[in-house]
Amino acid sequence: MTADPKKNQHHEDYILKDNKKTKFGATFIIIVLILLVIAVAVSGFYMEWW
């Protein structure tokens, strides 16, 4: 099984493509990280760590 290079000429191999899935995934990850930071801060205040 050999890959046909002509078949994938217009296909670019990079991870972050400029499409809806990538934008949604990046936004989702950023929101989740922000929520985790807020949760840690709130639990820190609740447990009186600061």
PDB file of N, CA and C in Angstrom:
ATOM      1  N   MET A   1       0.831  -1.184   0.000  1.00  0.00           N
ATOM      2  CA  MET A   1       0.000   0.000   0.000  1.00  0.00           C
ATOM      3  C   MET A   1       0.874   1.245   0.000  1.00  0.00           C
ATOM      4  N   THR A   2       0.920   1.899  -1.106  1.00  0.00           N
ATOM      5  CA  THR A   2       1.676   3.144  -1.182  1.00  0.00           C
ATOM      6  C   THR A   2       0.704   4.296  -1.313  1.00  0.00           C
ATOM      7  N   ALA A   3       1.069   5.389  -0.672  1.00  0.00           N
ATOM      8  CA  ALA A   3       0.216   6.575  -0.731  1.00  0.00           C
ATOM      9  C   ALA A   3       0.436   7.293  -2.052  1.00  0.00           C
ATOM     10  N   ASP A   4      -0.620   7.754  -2.631  1.00  0.00           N
ATOM     11  CA  ASP A   4      -0.536   8.471  -3.891  1.00  0.00           C
ATOM     12  C   ASP A   4      -0.346   9.961  -3.609  1.00  0.00           C
ATOM     13  N   PRO A   5       0.835  10.523  -3.884  1.00  0.00           N
ATOM     14  CA  PRO A   5       1.069  11.931  -3.566  1.00  0.00           C
ATOM     15  C   PRO A   5       0.192  12.882  -4.374  1.00  0.00           C
ATOM     16  N   LYS A   6      -0.221  12.483  -5.575  1.00  0.00           N
ATOM     17  CA  LYS A   6      -1.067  13.347  -6.396  1.00  0.00           C
ATOM     18  C   LYS A   6      -2.459  13.494  -5.786  1.00  0.00           C
ATOM     19  N   LYS A   7      -2.889  12.455  -5.075  1.00  0.00           N
ATOM     20  CA  LYS A   7      -4.213  12.456  -4.482  1.00  0.00           C
ATOM     21  C   LYS A   7      -4.327  13.500  -3.361  1.00  0.00           C
ATOM     22  N   ASN A   8      -3.230  13.702  -2.648  1.00  0.00           N
ATOM     23  CA  ASN A   8      -3.240  14.604  -1.496  1.00  0.00           C
ATOM     24  C   ASN A   8      -2.470  15.890  -1.753  1.00  0.00           C
ATOM     25  N   GLN A   9      -2.428  16.346  -2.981  1.00  0.00           N
ATOM     26  CA  GLN A   9      -1.669  17.549  -3.301  1.00  0.00           C
ATOM     27  C   GLN A   9      -2.232  18.774  -2.602  1.00  0.00           C
ATOM     28  N   HIS A  10      -3.535  18.916  -2.554  1.00  0.00           N
ATOM     29  CA  HIS A  10      -4.128  20.107  -1.968  1.00  0.00           C
ATOM     30  C   HIS A  10      -4.321  19.961  -0.456  1.00  0.00           C
ATOM     31  N   HIS A  11      -3.960  18.829   0.098  1.00  0.00           N
ATOM     32  CA  HIS A  11      -4.108  18.580   1.533  1.00  0.00           C
ATOM     33  C   HIS A  11      -2.844  19.023   2.239  1.00  0.00           C
ATOM     34  N   GLU A  12      -3.002  19.923   3.221  1.00  0.00           N
ATOM     35  CA  GLU A  12      -1.846  20.395   3.975  1.00  0.00           C
ATOM     36  C   GLU A  12      -1.814  19.666   5.314  1.00  0.00           C
ATOM     37  N   ASP A  13      -0.646  19.206   5.698  1.00  0.00           N
ATOM     38  CA  ASP A  13      -0.496  18.460   6.942  1.00  0.00           C
ATOM     39  C   ASP A  13      -0.080  19.393   8.071  1.00  0.00           C
ATOM     40  N   TYR A  14      -1.044  19.919   8.761  1.00  0.00           N
ATOM     41  CA  TYR A  14      -0.771  20.658   9.981  1.00  0.00           C
ATOM     42  C   TYR A  14      -1.928  20.443  10.933  1.00  0.00           C
ATOM     43  N   ILE A  15      -1.669  20.628  12.211  1.00  0.00           N
ATOM     44  CA  ILE A  15      -2.645  20.237  13.228  1.00  0.00           C
ATOM     45  C   ILE A  15      -3.800  21.230  13.312  1.00  0.00           C
ATOM     46  N   LEU A  16      -3.483  22.522  13.462  1.00  0.00           N
ATOM     47  CA  LEU A  16      -4.527  23.522  13.658  1.00  0.00           C
ATOM     48  C   LEU A  16      -4.980  24.067  12.312  1.00  0.00           C
ATOM     49  N   LYS A  17      -6.046  23.527  11.816  1.00  0.00           N
ATOM     50  CA  LYS A  17      -6.593  23.985  10.544  1.00  0.00           C
ATOM     51  C   LYS A  17      -7.617  25.077  10.817  1.00  0.00           C
ATOM     52  N   ASP A  18      -7.850  25.910   9.834  1.00  0.00           N
ATOM     53  CA  ASP A  18      -8.786  27.020  10.001  1.00  0.00           C
ATOM     54  C   ASP A  18     -10.182  26.568   9.568  1.00  0.00           C
ATOM     55  N   ASN A  19     -10.818  25.774  10.439  1.00  0.00           N
ATOM     56  CA  ASN A  19     -12.180  25.333  10.152  1.00  0.00           C
ATOM     57  C   ASN A  19     -13.009  25.373  11.429  1.00  0.00           C
ATOM     58  N   LYS A  20     -14.275  25.038  11.320  1.00  0.00           N
ATOM     59  CA  LYS A  20     -15.189  25.151  12.461  1.00  0.00           C
ATOM     60  C   LYS A  20     -14.826  24.206  13.592  1.00  0.00           C
ATOM     61  N   LYS A  21     -14.404  22.987  13.262  1.00  0.00           N
ATOM     62  CA  LYS A  21     -14.057  22.019  14.303  1.00  0.00           C
ATOM     63  C   LYS A  21     -12.889  22.511  15.151  1.00  0.00           C
ATOM     64  N   THR A  22     -11.873  23.044  14.504  1.00  0.00           N
ATOM     65  CA  THR A  22     -10.699  23.512  15.233  1.00  0.00           C
ATOM     66  C   THR A  22     -11.052  24.709  16.105  1.00  0.00           C
ATOM     67  N   LYS A  23     -11.824  25.643  15.568  1.00  0.00           N
ATOM     68  CA  LYS A  23     -12.214  26.819  16.343  1.00  0.00           C
ATOM     69  C   LYS A  23     -13.075  26.416  17.539  1.00  0.00           C
ATOM     70  N   PHE A  24     -14.015  25.498  17.328  1.00  0.00           N
ATOM     71  CA  PHE A  24     -14.858  25.033  18.426  1.00  0.00           C
ATOM     72  C   PHE A  24     -14.016  24.309  19.475  1.00  0.00           C
ATOM     73  N   GLY A  25     -13.119  23.449  19.036  1.00  0.00           N
ATOM     74  CA  GLY A  25     -12.272  22.694  19.965  1.00  0.00           C
ATOM     75  C   GLY A  25     -11.386  23.606  20.793  1.00  0.00           C
ATOM     76  N   ALA A  26     -10.764  24.590  20.152  1.00  0.00           N
ATOM     77  CA  ALA A  26      -9.889  25.513  20.869  1.00  0.00           C
ATOM     78  C   ALA A  26     -10.691  26.357  21.853  1.00  0.00           C
ATOM     79  N   THR A  27     -11.853  26.835  21.438  1.00  0.00           N
ATOM     80  CA  THR A  27     -12.699  27.634  22.325  1.00  0.00           C
ATOM     81  C   THR A  27     -13.166  26.801  23.510  1.00  0.00           C
ATOM     82  N   PHE A  28     -13.563  25.571  23.254  1.00  0.00           N
ATOM     83  CA  PHE A  28     -14.027  24.678  24.313  1.00  0.00           C
ATOM     84  C   PHE A  28     -12.917  24.421  25.335  1.00  0.00           C
ATOM     85  N   ILE A  29     -11.716  24.143  24.855  1.00  0.00           N
ATOM     86  CA  ILE A  29     -10.590  23.876  25.755  1.00  0.00           C
ATOM     87  C   ILE A  29     -10.257  25.104  26.592  1.00  0.00           C
ATOM     88  N   ILE A  30     -10.260  26.284  25.982  1.00  0.00           N
ATOM     89  CA  ILE A  30      -9.958  27.510  26.718  1.00  0.00           C
ATOM     90  C   ILE A  30     -11.010  27.770  27.793  1.00  0.00           C
ATOM     91  N   ILE A  31     -12.285  27.570  27.452  1.00  0.00           N
ATOM     92  CA  ILE A  31     -13.354  27.776  28.434  1.00  0.00           C
ATOM     93  C   ILE A  31     -13.224  26.794  29.595  1.00  0.00           C
ATOM     94  N   VAL A  32     -12.935  25.540  29.291  1.00  0.00           N
ATOM     95  CA  VAL A  32     -12.779  24.535  30.340  1.00  0.00           C
ATOM     96  C   VAL A  32     -11.603  24.888  31.245  1.00  0.00           C
ATOM     97  N   LEU A  33     -10.497  25.334  30.678  1.00  0.00           N
ATOM     98  CA  LEU A  33      -9.341  25.713  31.492  1.00  0.00           C
ATOM     99  C   LEU A  33      -9.661  26.905  32.386  1.00  0.00           C
ATOM    100  N   ILE A  34     -10.372  27.883  31.861  1.00  0.00           N
ATOM    101  CA  ILE A  34     -10.756  29.045  32.669  1.00  0.00           C
ATOM    102  C   ILE A  34     -11.668  28.611  33.816  1.00  0.00           C
ATOM    103  N   LEU A  35     -12.621  27.731  33.524  1.00  0.00           N
ATOM    104  CA  LEU A  35     -13.514  27.241  34.575  1.00  0.00           C
ATOM    105  C   LEU A  35     -12.747  26.464  35.647  1.00  0.00           C
ATOM    106  N   LEU A  36     -11.747  25.696  35.243  1.00  0.00           N
ATOM    107  CA  LEU A  36     -10.940  24.964  36.223  1.00  0.00           C
ATOM    108  C   LEU A  36     -10.148  25.914  37.113  1.00  0.00           C
ATOM    109  N   VAL A  37      -9.595  26.970  36.527  1.00  0.00           N
ATOM    110  CA  VAL A  37      -8.850  27.950  37.317  1.00  0.00           C
ATOM    111  C   VAL A  37      -9.780  28.634  38.315  1.00  0.00           C
ATOM    112  N   ILE A  38     -10.977  28.997  37.863  1.00  0.00           N
ATOM    113  CA  ILE A  38     -11.952  29.629  38.757  1.00  0.00           C
ATOM    114  C   ILE A  38     -12.338  28.662  39.878  1.00  0.00           C
ATOM    115  N   ALA A  39     -12.543  27.393  39.534  1.00  0.00           N
ATOM    116  CA  ALA A  39     -12.915  26.400  40.544  1.00  0.00           C
ATOM    117  C   ALA A  39     -11.815  26.231  41.587  1.00  0.00           C
ATOM    118  N   VAL A  40     -10.560  26.230  41.159  1.00  0.00           N
ATOM    119  CA  VAL A  40      -9.441  26.114  42.097  1.00  0.00           C
ATOM    120  C   VAL A  40      -9.379  27.342  43.001  1.00  0.00           C
ATOM    121  N   ALA A  41      -9.577  28.526  42.425  1.00  0.00           N
ATOM    122  CA  ALA A  41      -9.548  29.753  43.219  1.00  0.00           C
ATOM    123  C   ALA A  41     -10.680  29.765  44.244  1.00  0.00           C
ATOM    124  N   VAL A  42     -11.897  29.395  43.818  1.00  0.00           N
ATOM    125  CA  VAL A  42     -13.038  29.373  44.735  1.00  0.00           C
ATOM    126  C   VAL A  42     -12.815  28.349  45.839  1.00  0.00           C
ATOM    127  N   SER A  43     -12.325  27.174  45.492  1.00  0.00           N
ATOM    128  CA  SER A  43     -12.077  26.166  46.523  1.00  0.00           C
ATOM    129  C   SER A  43     -10.956  26.612  47.457  1.00  0.00           C
ATOM    130  N   GLY A  44     -10.000  27.366  46.935  1.00  0.00           N
ATOM    131  CA  GLY A  44      -8.947  27.908  47.797  1.00  0.00           C
ATOM    132  C   GLY A  44      -9.499  28.886  48.812  1.00  0.00           C
ATOM    133  N   PHE A  45     -10.403  29.743  48.393  1.00  0.00           N
ATOM    134  CA  PHE A  45     -11.039  30.663  49.335  1.00  0.00           C
ATOM    135  C   PHE A  45     -11.913  29.906  50.331  1.00  0.00           C
ATOM    136  N   TYR A  46     -12.613  28.899  49.845  1.00  0.00           N
ATOM    137  CA  TYR A  46     -13.502  28.130  50.699  1.00  0.00           C
ATOM    138  C   TYR A  46     -12.720  27.365  51.776  1.00  0.00           C
ATOM    139  N   MET A  47     -11.577  26.809  51.386  1.00  0.00           N
ATOM    140  CA  MET A  47     -10.746  26.055  52.317  1.00  0.00           C
ATOM    141  C   MET A  47      -9.822  26.958  53.134  1.00  0.00           C
ATOM    142  N   GLU A  48      -9.898  28.260  52.897  1.00  0.00           N
ATOM    143  CA  GLU A  48      -9.085  29.264  53.586  1.00  0.00           C
ATOM    144  C   GLU A  48      -7.587  29.018  53.411  1.00  0.00           C
ATOM    145  N   TRP A  49      -7.181  28.757  52.163  1.00  0.00           N
ATOM    146  CA  TRP A  49      -5.752  28.590  51.888  1.00  0.00           C
ATOM    147  C   TRP A  49      -5.057  29.945  51.746  1.00  0.00           C
ATOM    148  N   TRP A  50      -5.843  30.981  51.403  1.00  0.00           N
ATOM    149  CA  TRP A  50      -5.217  32.297  51.242  1.00  0.00           C
ATOM    150  C   TRP A  50      -5.535  33.184  52.405  1.00  0.00           C
TER     151      TRP A  50
END
